[in-house]
Amino acid sequence: MPGAEFDKASEDVKNLKQTPSNDELLELYALFKQATVGDVNTDRPGLLDMKGKAKWDAWNAKKGTAKDAAEKDYVALVQKLISTYGLK
């Protein structure tokens, strides 16, 4: 069950003044999925799905990370992004 800090961070990230870089977005996605689902549980997308493959690869790179550790890392990343981009 996600903690209150994680829930707040997942709401705050939707209100950044500007969109984070692709690398930052992939990191957010991977940490969120690891925190909420755990290790990757789907097959890698096909050759033509570049975005899907990038997201899958980022999530798969977190394999073995405990859900609570992924939550903490996600919250820390969101706080870093807020200090970089600010909130609306």
Protein backbone atom coordinates (compact mmCIF):
# COMPACT_ATOMS: atom_id res chain seq x y z
CA MET A 1 0.00 0.00 0.00
CA PRO A 2 1.59 3.30 -1.06
CA GLY A 3 2.37 5.86 1.62
CA ALA A 4 0.94 9.37 1.89
CA GLU A 5 4.19 10.96 0.65
CA PHE A 6 4.11 8.74 -2.44
CA ASP A 7 0.46 9.60 -3.11
CA LYS A 8 1.18 13.32 -2.77
CA ALA A 9 4.23 13.07 -5.05
CA SER A 10 2.22 11.25 -7.72
CA GLU A 11 -0.30 14.11 -7.65
CA ASP A 12 2.31 16.90 -7.47
CA VAL A 13 4.19 15.58 -10.50
CA LYS A 14 1.09 16.26 -12.64
CA ASN A 15 1.35 19.98 -11.75
CA LEU A 16 4.92 20.76 -12.76
CA LYS A 17 5.28 24.06 -14.65
CA GLN A 18 6.97 22.27 -17.54
CA THR A 19 7.31 18.73 -18.76
CA PRO A 20 10.44 16.93 -17.50
CA SER A 21 12.96 15.53 -19.99
CA ASN A 22 12.33 12.13 -21.58
CA ASP A 23 14.96 10.56 -19.29
CA GLU A 24 13.28 12.06 -16.22
CA LEU A 25 9.88 10.86 -17.43
CA LEU A 26 11.21 7.34 -17.97
CA GLU A 27 12.72 7.34 -14.48
CA LEU A 28 9.42 8.53 -12.99
CA TYR A 29 7.54 5.83 -14.90
CA ALA A 30 9.94 3.07 -13.88
CA LEU A 31 9.92 4.02 -10.19
CA PHE A 32 6.13 4.41 -10.15
CA LYS A 33 5.59 1.00 -11.75
CA GLN A 34 8.16 -0.66 -9.47
CA ALA A 35 6.53 0.93 -6.40
CA THR A 36 2.97 0.02 -7.39
CA VAL A 37 3.36 -3.26 -9.31
CA GLY A 38 6.80 -4.63 -8.47
CA ASP A 39 9.10 -6.30 -10.99
CA VAL A 40 8.13 -6.04 -14.64
CA ASN A 41 5.38 -8.58 -15.38
CA THR A 42 4.76 -8.17 -19.10
CA ASP A 43 6.59 -9.15 -22.27
CA ARG A 44 8.84 -6.55 -23.89
CA PRO A 45 6.91 -4.63 -26.60
CA GLY A 46 7.63 -5.34 -30.24
CA LEU A 47 10.16 -3.76 -32.57
CA LEU A 48 7.93 -0.91 -33.78
CA ASP A 49 6.79 0.25 -30.33
CA MET A 50 9.77 2.47 -29.50
CA LYS A 51 8.08 4.33 -26.65
CA GLY A 52 6.74 1.11 -25.14
CA LYS A 53 10.17 -0.52 -25.32
CA ALA A 54 11.84 2.46 -23.66
CA LYS A 55 9.29 2.41 -20.83
CA TRP A 56 9.60 -1.38 -20.43
CA ASP A 57 13.42 -1.20 -20.40
CA ALA A 58 13.39 1.58 -17.79
CA TRP A 59 11.02 -0.41 -15.58
CA ASN A 60 12.98 -3.64 -16.09
CA ALA A 61 16.16 -1.82 -14.97
CA LYS A 62 14.52 -1.45 -11.53
CA LYS A 63 13.99 -5.22 -11.22
CA GLY A 64 14.67 -6.42 -7.69
CA THR A 65 14.12 -3.00 -6.12
CA ALA A 66 11.83 -3.27 -3.10
CA LYS A 67 8.51 -1.45 -3.44
CA ASP A 68 9.21 0.80 -0.43
CA ALA A 69 12.66 1.70 -1.81
CA ALA A 70 11.12 2.53 -5.20
CA GLU A 71 8.52 4.70 -3.41
CA LYS A 72 11.26 6.63 -1.57
CA ASP A 73 13.25 7.09 -4.79
CA TYR A 74 10.10 8.27 -6.61
CA VAL A 75 9.30 10.83 -3.89
CA ALA A 76 12.91 12.08 -3.95
CA LEU A 77 12.84 12.42 -7.75
CA VAL A 78 9.52 14.30 -7.69
CA GLN A 79 10.92 16.68 -5.05
CA LYS A 80 13.99 17.26 -7.25
CA LEU A 81 11.76 17.95 -10.28
CA ILE A 82 9.62 20.38 -8.26
CA SER A 83 12.76 22.29 -7.23
CA THR A 84 13.91 22.30 -10.87
CA TYR A 85 10.63 23.12 -12.66
CA GLY A 86 8.33 24.47 -9.93
CA LEU A 87 4.62 23.81 -9.57
CA LYS A 88 1.79 25.50 -11.47
